[in-house]
Amino acid sequence: MPSEPEAPPLVEIWTDGGCKPNPGPGGWAAILRFGTVEKELTGAEPETTNNRMELTAACAALEALRKPCRVVLHTDSEYVRNGMERWVKGWVRNNWRNAAKQPVANYPLWQRLLAAAKPHDIEWRWVRGHAGDVMNERADVLATQARQGLG
């Protein structure tokens, strides 16, 4: 009797990004957890926006995965979660135009995120920022440190 195919590994990810001021210098962070192993990723840009940093964090996290995974991605960005769960299919169908027929803001990053997400089975889980979620708070600290490291 053939054995059941092995389920893809489960990876939990927490992402955050921000700017001060917005737009302005920005940082992003992602924490990936597979079992007991954790990996932290960070980056920064001298002139960007909060939304770009939130998207970049999610892209970098998913691009770091070397094989298809089940992913629970925790984000405090409703922009990222809603974009992936609600809006992106319509944007693609409308050639990256929004409901007002204007180009979608940050569409190169959305395209990058779609490509990074494609091999994975992802649950996009929103968490309230600055509300005591330990891993979200840690990602926020890492993103802030990355931004502050620009100067």
C-alpha atoms as a PDB file:
ATOM      1  CA  MET A   1       0.000   0.000   0.000  1.00  0.00           C
ATOM      2  CA  PRO A   2       1.466   3.390  -0.965  1.00  0.00           C
ATOM      3  CA  SER A   3       2.349   5.650   1.904  1.00  0.00           C
ATOM      4  CA  GLU A   4       0.719   9.031   2.347  1.00  0.00           C
ATOM      5  CA  PRO A   5       2.726  11.862   0.846  1.00  0.00           C
ATOM      6  CA  GLU A   6       4.507  13.808   3.529  1.00  0.00           C
ATOM      7  CA  ALA A   7       2.865  17.123   4.379  1.00  0.00           C
ATOM      8  CA  PRO A   8       4.954  20.151   3.497  1.00  0.00           C
ATOM      9  CA  PRO A   9       6.747  21.669   6.476  1.00  0.00           C
ATOM     10  CA  LEU A  10       4.962  24.320   8.529  1.00  0.00           C
ATOM     11  CA  VAL A  11       6.781  27.634   8.829  1.00  0.00           C
ATOM     12  CA  GLU A  12       5.492  30.514  10.915  1.00  0.00           C
ATOM     13  CA  ILE A  13       6.517  34.002   9.831  1.00  0.00           C
ATOM     14  CA  TRP A  14       6.112  37.378  11.500  1.00  0.00           C
ATOM     15  CA  THR A  15       6.751  40.494   9.421  1.00  0.00           C
ATOM     16  CA  ASP A  16       6.815  44.207  10.041  1.00  0.00           C
ATOM     17  CA  GLY A  17       7.892  47.341   8.264  1.00  0.00           C
ATOM     18  CA  GLY A  18       7.729  51.036   8.818  1.00  0.00           C
ATOM     19  CA  CYS A  19       9.065  54.510   8.160  1.00  0.00           C
ATOM     20  CA  LYS A  20       9.681  57.593  10.199  1.00  0.00           C
ATOM     21  CA  PRO A  21       8.503  59.939   8.803  1.00  0.00           C
ATOM     22  CA  ASN A  22       6.268  58.308   6.180  1.00  0.00           C
ATOM     23  CA  PRO A  23       7.524  58.602   3.486  1.00  0.00           C
ATOM     24  CA  GLY A  24      11.120  58.653   4.612  1.00  0.00           C
ATOM     25  CA  PRO A  25      13.779  56.270   5.897  1.00  0.00           C
ATOM     26  CA  GLY A  26      12.275  52.816   6.356  1.00  0.00           C
ATOM     27  CA  GLY A  27      13.098  49.410   7.734  1.00  0.00           C
ATOM     28  CA  TRP A  28      11.590  45.966   7.536  1.00  0.00           C
ATOM     29  CA  ALA A  29      11.992  42.685   9.392  1.00  0.00           C
ATOM     30  CA  ALA A  30      10.849  39.099   9.178  1.00  0.00           C
ATOM     31  CA  ILE A  31      11.181  36.293  11.675  1.00  0.00           C
ATOM     32  CA  LEU A  32      10.834  32.754  10.326  1.00  0.00           C
ATOM     33  CA  ARG A  33      10.240  29.814  12.662  1.00  0.00           C
ATOM     34  CA  PHE A  34      10.461  26.166  11.625  1.00  0.00           C
ATOM     35  CA  GLY A  35      10.116  23.985  14.694  1.00  0.00           C
ATOM     36  CA  THR A  36      12.743  25.271  17.122  1.00  0.00           C
ATOM     37  CA  VAL A  37      14.825  27.009  14.459  1.00  0.00           C
ATOM     38  CA  GLU A  38      14.408  30.758  13.980  1.00  0.00           C
ATOM     39  CA  LYS A  39      15.881  33.061  11.381  1.00  0.00           C
ATOM     40  CA  GLU A  40      15.711  36.850  11.381  1.00  0.00           C
ATOM     41  CA  LEU A  41      15.878  38.944   8.224  1.00  0.00           C
ATOM     42  CA  THR A  42      16.081  42.730   8.093  1.00  0.00           C
ATOM     43  CA  GLY A  43      16.657  45.509   5.608  1.00  0.00           C
ATOM     44  CA  ALA A  44      16.248  49.223   5.112  1.00  0.00           C
ATOM     45  CA  GLU A  45      15.831  51.885   2.435  1.00  0.00           C
ATOM     46  CA  PRO A  46      16.689  55.585   2.743  1.00  0.00           C
ATOM     47  CA  GLU A  47      13.467  56.838   1.065  1.00  0.00           C
ATOM     48  CA  THR A  48      10.373  54.662   1.069  1.00  0.00           C
ATOM     49  CA  THR A  49       6.911  54.195   2.632  1.00  0.00           C
ATOM     50  CA  ASN A  50       5.361  52.084   5.378  1.00  0.00           C
ATOM     51  CA  ASN A  51       3.449  50.025   2.818  1.00  0.00           C
ATOM     52  CA  ARG A  52       6.554  49.333   0.733  1.00  0.00           C
ATOM     53  CA  MET A  53       8.404  48.150   3.837  1.00  0.00           C
ATOM     54  CA  GLU A  54       5.514  45.893   4.896  1.00  0.00           C
ATOM     55  CA  LEU A  55       5.439  44.343   1.401  1.00  0.00           C
ATOM     56  CA  THR A  56       9.223  43.970   1.274  1.00  0.00           C
ATOM     57  CA  ALA A  57       9.244  42.120   4.598  1.00  0.00           C
ATOM     58  CA  ALA A  58       6.684  39.597   3.331  1.00  0.00           C
ATOM     59  CA  CYS A  59       8.546  39.168   0.027  1.00  0.00           C
ATOM     60  CA  ALA A  60      11.911  38.599   1.695  1.00  0.00           C
ATOM     61  CA  ALA A  61      10.458  36.105   4.168  1.00  0.00           C
ATOM     62  CA  LEU A  62       8.777  33.983   1.495  1.00  0.00           C
ATOM     63  CA  GLU A  63      11.784  34.217  -0.840  1.00  0.00           C
ATOM     64  CA  ALA A  64      13.950  32.783   1.963  1.00  0.00           C
ATOM     65  CA  LEU A  65      12.000  29.504   1.900  1.00  0.00           C
ATOM     66  CA  ARG A  66      13.893  26.889  -0.102  1.00  0.00           C
ATOM     67  CA  LYS A  67      10.993  24.524  -0.821  1.00  0.00           C
ATOM     68  CA  PRO A  68       7.193  24.643  -0.824  1.00  0.00           C
ATOM     69  CA  CYS A  69       5.826  25.063   2.681  1.00  0.00           C
ATOM     70  CA  ARG A  70       2.659  25.539   4.635  1.00  0.00           C
ATOM     71  CA  VAL A  71       3.017  29.062   5.979  1.00  0.00           C
ATOM     72  CA  VAL A  72       1.233  31.072   8.620  1.00  0.00           C
ATOM     73  CA  LEU A  73       2.318  34.649   7.925  1.00  0.00           C
ATOM     74  CA  HIS A  74       1.521  37.066  10.751  1.00  0.00           C
ATOM     75  CA  THR A  75       1.350  40.716   9.723  1.00  0.00           C
ATOM     76  CA  ASP A  76       0.019  43.850  11.352  1.00  0.00           C
ATOM     77  CA  SER A  77      -0.537  45.284   7.880  1.00  0.00           C
ATOM     78  CA  GLU A  78      -4.135  45.087   6.710  1.00  0.00           C
ATOM     79  CA  TYR A  79      -2.805  46.440   3.391  1.00  0.00           C
ATOM     80  CA  VAL A  80      -0.702  43.293   2.886  1.00  0.00           C
ATOM     81  CA  ARG A  81      -3.311  40.834   4.130  1.00  0.00           C
ATOM     82  CA  ASN A  82      -6.226  42.399   2.265  1.00  0.00           C
ATOM     83  CA  GLY A  83      -4.116  42.801  -0.847  1.00  0.00           C
ATOM     84  CA  MET A  84      -3.295  39.105  -0.956  1.00  0.00           C
ATOM     85  CA  GLU A  85      -6.684  37.800   0.215  1.00  0.00           C
ATOM     86  CA  ARG A  86      -9.073  40.224  -1.499  1.00  0.00           C
ATOM     87  CA  TRP A  87      -7.626  42.631  -4.029  1.00  0.00           C
ATOM     88  CA  VAL A  88      -4.809  41.041  -6.009  1.00  0.00           C
ATOM     89  CA  LYS A  89      -6.950  38.778  -8.221  1.00  0.00           C
ATOM     90  CA  GLY A  90      -8.911  41.797  -9.457  1.00  0.00           C
ATOM     91  CA  TRP A  91      -5.729  43.798  -9.997  1.00  0.00           C
ATOM     92  CA  VAL A  92      -4.235  41.011 -12.107  1.00  0.00           C
ATOM     93  CA  ARG A  93      -7.498  40.623 -14.043  1.00  0.00           C
ATOM     94  CA  ASN A  94      -7.526  44.413 -14.658  1.00  0.00           C
ATOM     95  CA  ASN A  95      -3.881  44.545 -15.776  1.00  0.00           C
ATOM     96  CA  TRP A  96      -2.680  46.044 -12.465  1.00  0.00           C
ATOM     97  CA  ARG A  97      -5.330  48.766 -12.405  1.00  0.00           C
ATOM     98  CA  ASN A  98      -7.384  49.503  -9.311  1.00  0.00           C
ATOM     99  CA  ALA A  99     -11.130  50.162  -9.144  1.00  0.00           C
ATOM    100  CA  ALA A 100     -10.505  53.781 -10.170  1.00  0.00           C
ATOM    101  CA  LYS A 101      -8.666  52.486 -13.283  1.00  0.00           C
ATOM    102  CA  GLN A 102      -5.387  53.883 -11.928  1.00  0.00           C
ATOM    103  CA  PRO A 103      -2.166  51.852 -11.703  1.00  0.00           C
ATOM    104  CA  VAL A 104      -2.028  49.868  -8.465  1.00  0.00           C
ATOM    105  CA  ALA A 105       0.333  51.466  -5.950  1.00  0.00           C
ATOM    106  CA  ASN A 106       3.495  49.413  -5.442  1.00  0.00           C
ATOM    107  CA  TYR A 107       2.529  46.948  -8.161  1.00  0.00           C
ATOM    108  CA  PRO A 108       6.135  45.740  -8.739  1.00  0.00           C
ATOM    109  CA  LEU A 109       6.248  44.699  -5.075  1.00  0.00           C
ATOM    110  CA  TRP A 110       2.822  43.071  -5.333  1.00  0.00           C
ATOM    111  CA  GLN A 111       4.067  41.127  -8.368  1.00  0.00           C
ATOM    112  CA  ARG A 112       7.163  40.088  -6.419  1.00  0.00           C
ATOM    113  CA  LEU A 113       4.990  38.986  -3.487  1.00  0.00           C
ATOM    114  CA  LEU A 114       2.681  36.963  -5.740  1.00  0.00           C
ATOM    115  CA  ALA A 115       5.674  35.162  -7.252  1.00  0.00           C
ATOM    116  CA  ALA A 116       7.176  34.505  -3.811  1.00  0.00           C
ATOM    117  CA  ALA A 117       3.854  33.213  -2.466  1.00  0.00           C
ATOM    118  CA  LYS A 118       3.030  30.950  -5.424  1.00  0.00           C
ATOM    119  CA  PRO A 119       4.787  27.734  -4.298  1.00  0.00           C
ATOM    120  CA  HIS A 120       3.385  27.907  -0.783  1.00  0.00           C
ATOM    121  CA  ASP A 121       0.100  27.272   1.006  1.00  0.00           C
ATOM    122  CA  ILE A 122      -0.244  30.503   3.004  1.00  0.00           C
ATOM    123  CA  GLU A 123      -2.586  31.613   5.737  1.00  0.00           C
ATOM    124  CA  TRP A 124      -2.389  35.413   5.964  1.00  0.00           C
ATOM    125  CA  ARG A 125      -3.025  36.144   9.634  1.00  0.00           C
ATOM    126  CA  TRP A 126      -3.542  39.742  10.751  1.00  0.00           C
ATOM    127  CA  VAL A 127      -2.375  40.720  14.232  1.00  0.00           C
ATOM    128  CA  ARG A 128      -3.001  44.064  15.888  1.00  0.00           C
ATOM    129  CA  GLY A 129       0.256  46.030  15.986  1.00  0.00           C
ATOM    130  CA  HIS A 130       1.640  47.297  19.281  1.00  0.00           C
ATOM    131  CA  ALA A 131      -0.874  45.196  21.197  1.00  0.00           C
ATOM    132  CA  GLY A 132       1.396  42.809  23.041  1.00  0.00           C
ATOM    133  CA  ASP A 133       1.912  40.022  20.466  1.00  0.00           C
ATOM    134  CA  VAL A 134       5.491  39.085  21.443  1.00  0.00           C
ATOM    135  CA  MET A 135       6.670  38.104  17.957  1.00  0.00           C
ATOM    136  CA  ASN A 136       5.032  41.129  16.304  1.00  0.00           C
ATOM    137  CA  GLU A 137       6.710  43.380  18.858  1.00  0.00           C
ATOM    138  CA  ARG A 138      10.057  41.686  18.158  1.00  0.00           C
ATOM    139  CA  ALA A 139       9.639  42.189  14.405  1.00  0.00           C
ATOM    140  CA  ASP A 140       8.803  45.846  15.060  1.00  0.00           C
ATOM    141  CA  VAL A 141      12.000  46.304  17.108  1.00  0.00           C
ATOM    142  CA  LEU A 142      14.084  44.660  14.368  1.00  0.00           C
ATOM    143  CA  ALA A 143      12.501  46.823  11.640  1.00  0.00           C
ATOM    144  CA  THR A 144      13.091  49.964  13.711  1.00  0.00           C
ATOM    145  CA  GLN A 145      16.723  48.985  14.311  1.00  0.00           C
ATOM    146  CA  ALA A 146      17.204  48.410  10.580  1.00  0.00           C
ATOM    147  CA  ARG A 147      15.741  51.841   9.789  1.00  0.00           C
ATOM    148  CA  GLN A 148      17.820  53.553  12.457  1.00  0.00           C
ATOM    149  CA  GLY A 149      20.951  51.864  11.118  1.00  0.00           C
ATOM    150  CA  LEU A 150      20.679  53.954   7.937  1.00  0.00           C
ATOM    151  CA  GLY A 151      22.031  57.076   9.622  1.00  0.00           C
END
